PDB file of all heavy atoms in Angstrom:
ATOM      1  N   SER A   1       0.084  -4.151   5.114  1.00  0.00           N
ATOM      2  CA  SER A   1      -0.065  -3.118   6.129  1.00  0.00           C
ATOM      3  C   SER A   1      -1.187  -2.181   5.702  1.00  0.00           C
ATOM      4  O   SER A   1      -1.199  -1.682   4.569  1.00  0.00           O
ATOM      5  CB  SER A   1       1.248  -2.343   6.276  1.00  0.00           C
ATOM      6  OG  SER A   1       1.063  -1.173   7.052  1.00  0.00           O
ATOM      7  N   ILE A   2      -2.158  -1.975   6.576  1.00  0.00           N
ATOM      8  CA  ILE A   2      -3.257  -1.066   6.263  1.00  0.00           C
ATOM      9  C   ILE A   2      -2.781   0.372   6.502  1.00  0.00           C
ATOM     10  O   ILE A   2      -2.189   0.681   7.538  1.00  0.00           O
ATOM     11  CB  ILE A   2      -4.487  -1.381   7.134  1.00  0.00           C
ATOM     12  CG1 ILE A   2      -4.950  -2.820   6.848  1.00  0.00           C
ATOM     13  CG2 ILE A   2      -5.618  -0.392   6.857  1.00  0.00           C
ATOM     14  CD1 ILE A   2      -6.097  -3.273   7.716  1.00  0.00           C
ATOM     15  N   THR A   3      -3.017   1.234   5.521  1.00  0.00           N
ATOM     16  CA  THR A   3      -2.522   2.606   5.583  1.00  0.00           C
ATOM     17  C   THR A   3      -3.669   3.604   5.656  1.00  0.00           C
ATOM     18  O   THR A   3      -4.835   3.256   5.469  1.00  0.00           O
ATOM     19  CB  THR A   3      -1.657   2.919   4.347  1.00  0.00           C
ATOM     20  OG1 THR A   3      -2.472   2.814   3.167  1.00  0.00           O
ATOM     21  CG2 THR A   3      -0.488   1.962   4.224  1.00  0.00           C
ATOM     22  N   ARG A   4      -3.314   4.843   5.933  1.00  0.00           N
ATOM     23  CA  ARG A   4      -4.252   5.951   5.831  1.00  0.00           C
ATOM     24  C   ARG A   4      -3.550   7.068   5.068  1.00  0.00           C
ATOM     25  O   ARG A   4      -2.313   7.097   4.969  1.00  0.00           O
ATOM     26  CB  ARG A   4      -4.680   6.443   7.218  1.00  0.00           C
ATOM     27  CG  ARG A   4      -3.538   6.940   8.081  1.00  0.00           C
ATOM     28  CD  ARG A   4      -4.014   7.411   9.453  1.00  0.00           C
ATOM     29  NE  ARG A   4      -2.889   7.759  10.306  1.00  0.00           N
ATOM     30  CZ  ARG A   4      -2.249   8.923  10.271  1.00  0.00           C
ATOM     31  NH1 ARG A   4      -2.645   9.869   9.412  1.00  0.00           N
ATOM     32  NH2 ARG A   4      -1.235   9.161  11.079  1.00  0.00           N
ATOM     33  N   LEU A   5      -4.316   7.980   4.523  1.00  0.00           N
ATOM     34  CA  LEU A   5      -3.737   9.051   3.717  1.00  0.00           C
ATOM     35  C   LEU A   5      -3.532  10.318   4.534  1.00  0.00           C
ATOM     36  O   LEU A   5      -4.396  10.717   5.321  1.00  0.00           O
ATOM     37  CB  LEU A   5      -4.633   9.364   2.517  1.00  0.00           C
ATOM     38  CG  LEU A   5      -4.728   8.294   1.429  1.00  0.00           C
ATOM     39  CD1 LEU A   5      -5.564   8.802   0.274  1.00  0.00           C
ATOM     40  CD2 LEU A   5      -3.358   7.859   0.949  1.00  0.00           C
ATOM     41  N   GLU A   6      -2.398  10.922   4.328  1.00  0.00           N
ATOM     42  CA  GLU A   6      -2.131  12.266   4.834  1.00  0.00           C
ATOM     43  C   GLU A   6      -1.987  13.181   3.639  1.00  0.00           C
ATOM     44  O   GLU A   6      -1.137  12.956   2.776  1.00  0.00           O
ATOM     45  CB  GLU A   6      -0.853  12.289   5.679  1.00  0.00           C
ATOM     46  CG  GLU A   6      -1.008  11.631   7.037  1.00  0.00           C
ATOM     47  CD  GLU A   6       0.207  11.845   7.929  1.00  0.00           C
ATOM     48  OE1 GLU A   6       1.203  12.443   7.442  1.00  0.00           O
ATOM     49  OE2 GLU A   6       0.173  11.421   9.092  1.00  0.00           O
ATOM     50  N   GLY A   7      -2.845  14.200   3.562  1.00  0.00           N
ATOM     51  CA  GLY A   7      -2.863  15.065   2.394  1.00  0.00           C
ATOM     52  C   GLY A   7      -3.915  14.606   1.404  1.00  0.00           C
ATOM     53  O   GLY A   7      -4.641  13.628   1.628  1.00  0.00           O
ATOM     54  N   THR A   8      -3.993  15.294   0.285  1.00  0.00           N
ATOM     55  CA  THR A   8      -5.003  14.990  -0.730  1.00  0.00           C
ATOM     56  C   THR A   8      -4.370  14.965  -2.120  1.00  0.00           C
ATOM     57  O   THR A   8      -3.246  15.439  -2.330  1.00  0.00           O
ATOM     58  CB  THR A   8      -6.128  16.036  -0.721  1.00  0.00           C
ATOM     59  OG1 THR A   8      -5.552  17.344  -0.958  1.00  0.00           O
ATOM     60  CG2 THR A   8      -6.857  16.038   0.611  1.00  0.00           C
ATOM     61  N   GLY A   9      -5.135  14.415  -3.044  1.00  0.00           N
ATOM     62  CA  GLY A   9      -4.717  14.427  -4.442  1.00  0.00           C
ATOM     63  C   GLY A   9      -3.434  13.654  -4.688  1.00  0.00           C
ATOM     64  O   GLY A   9      -3.095  12.703  -3.974  1.00  0.00           O
ATOM     65  N   GLU A  10      -2.676  14.077  -5.714  1.00  0.00           N
ATOM     66  CA  GLU A  10      -1.475  13.376  -6.121  1.00  0.00           C
ATOM     67  C   GLU A  10      -0.399  13.378  -5.047  1.00  0.00           C
ATOM     68  O   GLU A  10       0.477  12.524  -5.021  1.00  0.00           O
ATOM     69  CB  GLU A  10      -0.917  14.001  -7.408  1.00  0.00           C
ATOM     70  CG  GLU A  10      -1.869  13.977  -8.591  1.00  0.00           C
ATOM     71  CD  GLU A  10      -2.143  12.568  -9.079  1.00  0.00           C
ATOM     72  OE1 GLU A  10      -1.307  11.678  -8.839  1.00  0.00           O
ATOM     73  OE2 GLU A  10      -3.202  12.349  -9.700  1.00  0.00           O
ATOM     74  N   LYS A  11      -0.433  14.385  -4.147  1.00  0.00           N
ATOM     75  CA  LYS A  11       0.607  14.507  -3.128  1.00  0.00           C
ATOM     76  C   LYS A  11       0.280  13.768  -1.839  1.00  0.00           C
ATOM     77  O   LYS A  11       1.056  13.812  -0.883  1.00  0.00           O
ATOM     78  CB  LYS A  11       0.863  15.981  -2.827  1.00  0.00           C
ATOM     79  CG  LYS A  11       1.422  16.763  -4.017  1.00  0.00           C
ATOM     80  CD  LYS A  11       1.697  18.209  -3.648  1.00  0.00           C
ATOM     81  CE  LYS A  11       2.267  18.981  -4.836  1.00  0.00           C
ATOM     82  NZ  LYS A  11       2.539  20.400  -4.474  1.00  0.00           N
ATOM     83  N   ALA A  12      -0.843  13.089  -1.809  1.00  0.00           N
ATOM     84  CA  ALA A  12      -1.230  12.365  -0.589  1.00  0.00           C
ATOM     85  C   ALA A  12      -0.225  11.263  -0.284  1.00  0.00           C
ATOM     86  O   ALA A  12       0.237  10.551  -1.183  1.00  0.00           O
ATOM     87  CB  ALA A  12      -2.622  11.776  -0.762  1.00  0.00           C
ATOM     88  N   LEU A  13       0.114  11.122   0.982  1.00  0.00           N
ATOM     89  CA  LEU A  13       1.067  10.117   1.422  1.00  0.00           C
ATOM     90  C   LEU A  13       0.355   9.001   2.161  1.00  0.00           C
ATOM     91  O   LEU A  13      -0.571   9.244   2.932  1.00  0.00           O
ATOM     92  CB  LEU A  13       2.126  10.748   2.332  1.00  0.00           C
ATOM     93  CG  LEU A  13       3.014  11.835   1.716  1.00  0.00           C
ATOM     94  CD1 LEU A  13       3.942  12.415   2.779  1.00  0.00           C
ATOM     95  CD2 LEU A  13       3.819  11.269   0.553  1.00  0.00           C
ATOM     96  N   ALA A  14       0.811   7.764   1.942  1.00  0.00           N
ATOM     97  CA  ALA A  14       0.257   6.608   2.655  1.00  0.00           C
ATOM     98  C   ALA A  14       1.052   6.389   3.931  1.00  0.00           C
ATOM     99  O   ALA A  14       2.271   6.209   3.899  1.00  0.00           O
ATOM    100  CB  ALA A  14       0.317   5.376   1.762  1.00  0.00           C
ATOM    101  N   VAL A  15       0.365   6.401   5.059  1.00  0.00           N
ATOM    102  CA  VAL A  15       1.011   6.256   6.365  1.00  0.00           C
ATOM    103  C   VAL A  15       0.477   4.997   7.046  1.00  0.00           C
ATOM    104  O   VAL A  15      -0.737   4.798   7.125  1.00  0.00           O
ATOM    105  CB  VAL A  15       0.729   7.492   7.250  1.00  0.00           C
ATOM    106  CG1 VAL A  15       1.385   7.326   8.614  1.00  0.00           C
ATOM    107  CG2 VAL A  15       1.211   8.762   6.562  1.00  0.00           C
ATOM    108  N   PRO A  16       1.358   4.121   7.556  1.00  0.00           N
ATOM    109  CA  PRO A  16       0.892   2.890   8.212  1.00  0.00           C
ATOM    110  C   PRO A  16       0.035   3.195   9.442  1.00  0.00           C
ATOM    111  O   PRO A  16       0.323   4.112  10.204  1.00  0.00           O
ATOM    112  CB  PRO A  16       2.192   2.187   8.616  1.00  0.00           C
ATOM    113  CG  PRO A  16       3.243   2.773   7.733  1.00  0.00           C
ATOM    114  CD  PRO A  16       2.830   4.188   7.471  1.00  0.00           C
ATOM    115  N   THR A  17      -0.985   2.399   9.634  1.00  0.00           N
ATOM    116  CA  THR A  17      -1.853   2.555  10.804  1.00  0.00           C
ATOM    117  C   THR A  17      -1.478   1.594  11.924  1.00  0.00           C
ATOM    118  O   THR A  17      -1.986   1.722  13.045  1.00  0.00           O
ATOM    119  CB  THR A  17      -3.321   2.288  10.426  1.00  0.00           C
ATOM    120  OG1 THR A  17      -3.442   0.916   9.999  1.00  0.00           O
ATOM    121  CG2 THR A  17      -3.778   3.216   9.316  1.00  0.00           C
ATOM    122  N   GLY A  18      -0.620   0.615  11.630  1.00  0.00           N
ATOM    123  CA  GLY A  18      -0.272  -0.411  12.604  1.00  0.00           C
ATOM    124  C   GLY A  18      -1.115  -1.661  12.458  1.00  0.00           C
ATOM    125  O   GLY A  18      -0.795  -2.707  13.036  1.00  0.00           O
ATOM    126  N   GLN A  19      -2.182  -1.582  11.681  1.00  0.00           N
ATOM    127  CA  GLN A  19      -3.025  -2.748  11.428  1.00  0.00           C
ATOM    128  C   GLN A  19      -2.503  -3.514  10.212  1.00  0.00           C
ATOM    129  O   GLN A  19      -1.885  -2.944   9.310  1.00  0.00           O
ATOM    130  CB  GLN A  19      -4.469  -2.314  11.159  1.00  0.00           C
ATOM    131  CG  GLN A  19      -5.149  -1.628  12.327  1.00  0.00           C
ATOM    132  CD  GLN A  19      -6.547  -1.154  11.950  1.00  0.00           C
ATOM    133  OE1 GLN A  19      -6.703  -0.189  11.209  1.00  0.00           O
ATOM    134  NE2 GLN A  19      -7.550  -1.833  12.463  1.00  0.00           N
ATOM    135  N   VAL A  20      -2.768  -4.801  10.180  1.00  0.00           N
ATOM    136  CA  VAL A  20      -2.350  -5.627   9.043  1.00  0.00           C
ATOM    137  C   VAL A  20      -3.496  -6.542   8.633  1.00  0.00           C
ATOM    138  O   VAL A  20      -4.442  -6.766   9.401  1.00  0.00           O
ATOM    139  CB  VAL A  20      -1.105  -6.479   9.377  1.00  0.00           C
ATOM    140  CG1 VAL A  20       0.094  -5.596   9.684  1.00  0.00           C
ATOM    141  CG2 VAL A  20      -1.393  -7.440  10.520  1.00  0.00           C
ATOM    142  N   GLU A  21      -3.382  -7.059   7.414  1.00  0.00           N
ATOM    143  CA  GLU A  21      -4.332  -8.064   6.944  1.00  0.00           C
ATOM    144  C   GLU A  21      -3.570  -9.040   6.061  1.00  0.00           C
ATOM    145  O   GLU A  21      -2.573  -8.680   5.436  1.00  0.00           O
ATOM    146  CB  GLU A  21      -5.498  -7.383   6.223  1.00  0.00           C
ATOM    147  CG  GLU A  21      -5.569  -7.540   4.789  1.00  0.00           C
ATOM    148  CD  GLU A  21      -6.752  -6.833   4.131  1.00  0.00           C
ATOM    149  OE1 GLU A  21      -7.775  -6.588   4.774  1.00  0.00           O
ATOM    150  OE2 GLU A  21      -6.607  -6.547   2.935  1.00  0.00           O
ATOM    151  N   GLU A  22      -4.039 -10.267   6.019  1.00  0.00           N
ATOM    152  CA  GLU A  22      -3.384 -11.287   5.215  1.00  0.00           C
ATOM    153  C   GLU A  22      -4.331 -11.777   4.124  1.00  0.00           C
ATOM    154  O   GLU A  22      -5.522 -11.975   4.371  1.00  0.00           O
ATOM    155  CB  GLU A  22      -2.928 -12.457   6.093  1.00  0.00           C
ATOM    156  CG  GLU A  22      -1.852 -12.049   7.093  1.00  0.00           C
ATOM    157  CD  GLU A  22      -1.348 -13.212   7.925  1.00  0.00           C
ATOM    158  OE1 GLU A  22      -1.895 -14.334   7.778  1.00  0.00           O
ATOM    159  OE2 GLU A  22      -0.415 -13.009   8.727  1.00  0.00           O
ATOM    160  N   VAL A  23      -3.779 -11.918   2.911  1.00  0.00           N
ATOM    161  CA  VAL A  23      -4.563 -12.366   1.759  1.00  0.00           C
ATOM    162  C   VAL A  23      -3.951 -13.659   1.238  1.00  0.00           C
ATOM    163  O   VAL A  23      -2.792 -13.674   0.796  1.00  0.00           O
ATOM    164  CB  VAL A  23      -4.567 -11.311   0.634  1.00  0.00           C
ATOM    165  CG1 VAL A  23      -5.362 -11.821  -0.567  1.00  0.00           C
ATOM    166  CG2 VAL A  23      -5.136  -9.997   1.139  1.00  0.00           C
ATOM    167  N   PRO A  24      -4.680 -14.778   1.283  1.00  0.00           N
ATOM    168  CA  PRO A  24      -4.165 -16.028   0.709  1.00  0.00           C
ATOM    169  C   PRO A  24      -4.063 -15.910  -0.810  1.00  0.00           C
ATOM    170  O   PRO A  24      -4.991 -15.430  -1.469  1.00  0.00           O
ATOM    171  CB  PRO A  24      -5.219 -17.065   1.107  1.00  0.00           C
ATOM    172  CG  PRO A  24      -6.040 -16.410   2.179  1.00  0.00           C
ATOM    173  CD  PRO A  24      -6.001 -14.951   1.912  1.00  0.00           C
ATOM    174  N   CYS A  25      -2.948 -16.322  -1.354  1.00  0.00           N
ATOM    175  CA  CYS A  25      -2.757 -16.303  -2.810  1.00  0.00           C
ATOM    176  C   CYS A  25      -1.480 -17.070  -3.125  1.00  0.00           C
ATOM    177  O   CYS A  25      -0.548 -17.093  -2.333  1.00  0.00           O
ATOM    178  CB  CYS A  25      -2.662 -14.869  -3.346  1.00  0.00           C
ATOM    179  SG  CYS A  25      -1.348 -13.894  -2.597  1.00  0.00           S
ATOM    180  N   GLY A  26      -1.450 -17.675  -4.291  1.00  0.00           N
ATOM    181  CA  GLY A  26      -0.262 -18.430  -4.687  1.00  0.00           C
ATOM    182  C   GLY A  26       0.507 -17.781  -5.808  1.00  0.00           C
ATOM    183  O   GLY A  26       1.525 -18.321  -6.258  1.00  0.00           O
ATOM    184  N   LEU A  27       0.040 -16.624  -6.273  1.00  0.00           N
ATOM    185  CA  LEU A  27       0.687 -15.941  -7.387  1.00  0.00           C
ATOM    186  C   LEU A  27       0.706 -14.451  -7.073  1.00  0.00           C
ATOM    187  O   LEU A  27      -0.342 -13.846  -6.814  1.00  0.00           O
ATOM    188  CB  LEU A  27      -0.085 -16.200  -8.685  1.00  0.00           C
ATOM    189  CG  LEU A  27       0.460 -15.587  -9.975  1.00  0.00           C
ATOM    190  CD1 LEU A  27       1.827 -16.161 -10.319  1.00  0.00           C
ATOM    191  CD2 LEU A  27      -0.511 -15.823 -11.129  1.00  0.00           C
ATOM    192  N   ILE A  28       1.901 -13.856  -7.088  1.00  0.00           N
ATOM    193  CA  ILE A  28       2.055 -12.446  -6.715  1.00  0.00           C
ATOM    194  C   ILE A  28       2.939 -11.753  -7.738  1.00  0.00           C
ATOM    195  O   ILE A  28       4.014 -12.261  -8.087  1.00  0.00           O
ATOM    196  CB  ILE A  28       2.672 -12.313  -5.308  1.00  0.00           C
ATOM    197  CG1 ILE A  28       1.771 -13.000  -4.269  1.00  0.00           C
ATOM    198  CG2 ILE A  28       2.895 -10.842  -4.949  1.00  0.00           C
ATOM    199  CD1 ILE A  28       2.437 -13.192  -2.926  1.00  0.00           C
ATOM    200  N   PHE A  29       2.477 -10.605  -8.215  1.00  0.00           N
ATOM    201  CA  PHE A  29       3.257  -9.803  -9.162  1.00  0.00           C
ATOM    202  C   PHE A  29       3.582  -8.451  -8.542  1.00  0.00           C
ATOM    203  O   PHE A  29       2.706  -7.792  -7.974  1.00  0.00           O
ATOM    204  CB  PHE A  29       2.481  -9.569 -10.463  1.00  0.00           C
ATOM    205  CG  PHE A  29       2.201 -10.826 -11.238  1.00  0.00           C
ATOM    206  CD1 PHE A  29       0.958 -11.430 -11.169  1.00  0.00           C
ATOM    207  CD2 PHE A  29       3.183 -11.396 -12.024  1.00  0.00           C
ATOM    208  CE1 PHE A  29       0.692 -12.592 -11.874  1.00  0.00           C
ATOM    209  CE2 PHE A  29       2.924 -12.561 -12.734  1.00  0.00           C
ATOM    210  CZ  PHE A  29       1.681 -13.163 -12.660  1.00  0.00           C
ATOM    211  N   SER A  30       4.819  -8.055  -8.670  1.00  0.00           N
ATOM    212  CA  SER A  30       5.229  -6.724  -8.241  1.00  0.00           C
ATOM    213  C   SER A  30       5.215  -5.796  -9.448  1.00  0.00           C
ATOM    214  O   SER A  30       6.013  -5.951 -10.371  1.00  0.00           O
ATOM    215  CB  SER A  30       6.635  -6.778  -7.640  1.00  0.00           C
ATOM    216  OG  SER A  30       7.133  -5.475  -7.425  1.00  0.00           O
ATOM    217  N   SER A  31       4.287  -4.849  -9.442  1.00  0.00           N
ATOM    218  CA  SER A  31       4.158  -3.905 -10.548  1.00  0.00           C
ATOM    219  C   SER A  31       4.335  -2.488 -10.013  1.00  0.00           C
ATOM    220  O   SER A  31       3.444  -1.641 -10.099  1.00  0.00           O
ATOM    221  CB  SER A  31       2.787  -4.060 -11.221  1.00  0.00           C
ATOM    222  OG  SER A  31       2.682  -3.234 -12.365  1.00  0.00           O
ATOM    223  N   ILE A  32       5.513  -2.263  -9.417  1.00  0.00           N
ATOM    224  CA  ILE A  32       5.772  -0.963  -8.773  1.00  0.00           C
ATOM    225  C   ILE A  32       6.755  -0.113  -9.560  1.00  0.00           C
ATOM    226  O   ILE A  32       7.292   0.861  -9.050  1.00  0.00           O
ATOM    227  CB  ILE A  32       6.286  -1.172  -7.333  1.00  0.00           C
ATOM    228  CG1 ILE A  32       7.570  -2.004  -7.324  1.00  0.00           C
ATOM    229  CG2 ILE A  32       5.214  -1.833  -6.482  1.00  0.00           C
ATOM    230  CD1 ILE A  32       8.226  -2.091  -5.964  1.00  0.00           C
ATOM    231  N   GLY A  33       6.982  -0.484 -10.827  1.00  0.00           N
ATOM    232  CA  GLY A  33       7.786   0.378 -11.678  1.00  0.00           C
ATOM    233  C   GLY A  33       9.106  -0.227 -12.101  1.00  0.00           C
ATOM    234  O   GLY A  33       9.510  -1.305 -11.653  1.00  0.00           O
ATOM    235  N   TYR A  34       9.767   0.481 -13.002  1.00  0.00           N
ATOM    236  CA  TYR A  34      11.040   0.064 -13.574  1.00  0.00           C
ATOM    237  C   TYR A  34      12.103   1.097 -13.219  1.00  0.00           C
ATOM    238  O   TYR A  34      11.805   2.179 -12.723  1.00  0.00           O
ATOM    239  CB  TYR A  34      10.925  -0.057 -15.094  1.00  0.00           C
ATOM    240  CG  TYR A  34       9.766  -0.890 -15.567  1.00  0.00           C
ATOM    241  CD1 TYR A  34       8.552  -0.305 -15.928  1.00  0.00           C
ATOM    242  CD2 TYR A  34       9.866  -2.270 -15.640  1.00  0.00           C
ATOM    243  CE1 TYR A  34       7.482  -1.069 -16.361  1.00  0.00           C
ATOM    244  CE2 TYR A  34       8.817  -3.053 -16.072  1.00  0.00           C
ATOM    245  CZ  TYR A  34       7.620  -2.451 -16.434  1.00  0.00           C
ATOM    246  OH  TYR A  34       6.573  -3.209 -16.855  1.00  0.00           O
ATOM    247  N   LYS A  35      13.345   0.769 -13.519  1.00  0.00           N
ATOM    248  CA  LYS A  35      14.399   1.756 -13.329  1.00  0.00           C
ATOM    249  C   LYS A  35      15.487   1.552 -14.369  1.00  0.00           C
ATOM    250  O   LYS A  35      15.733   0.430 -14.826  1.00  0.00           O
ATOM    251  CB  LYS A  35      14.986   1.669 -11.917  1.00  0.00           C
ATOM    252  CG  LYS A  35      15.654   0.347 -11.579  1.00  0.00           C
ATOM    253  CD  LYS A  35      16.203   0.386 -10.156  1.00  0.00           C
ATOM    254  CE  LYS A  35      16.864  -0.939  -9.785  1.00  0.00           C
ATOM    255  NZ  LYS A  35      17.397  -0.917  -8.405  1.00  0.00           N
TER     256      LYS A  35
END
């Protein structure tokens, strides 16, 4: 999903624009953190 930023700096939020793009790939890693 293609996003746009609302706000600036560290507090900027990613907001969906409604547009999408597809990337061909056979290997995907999720590196969004631990808990």
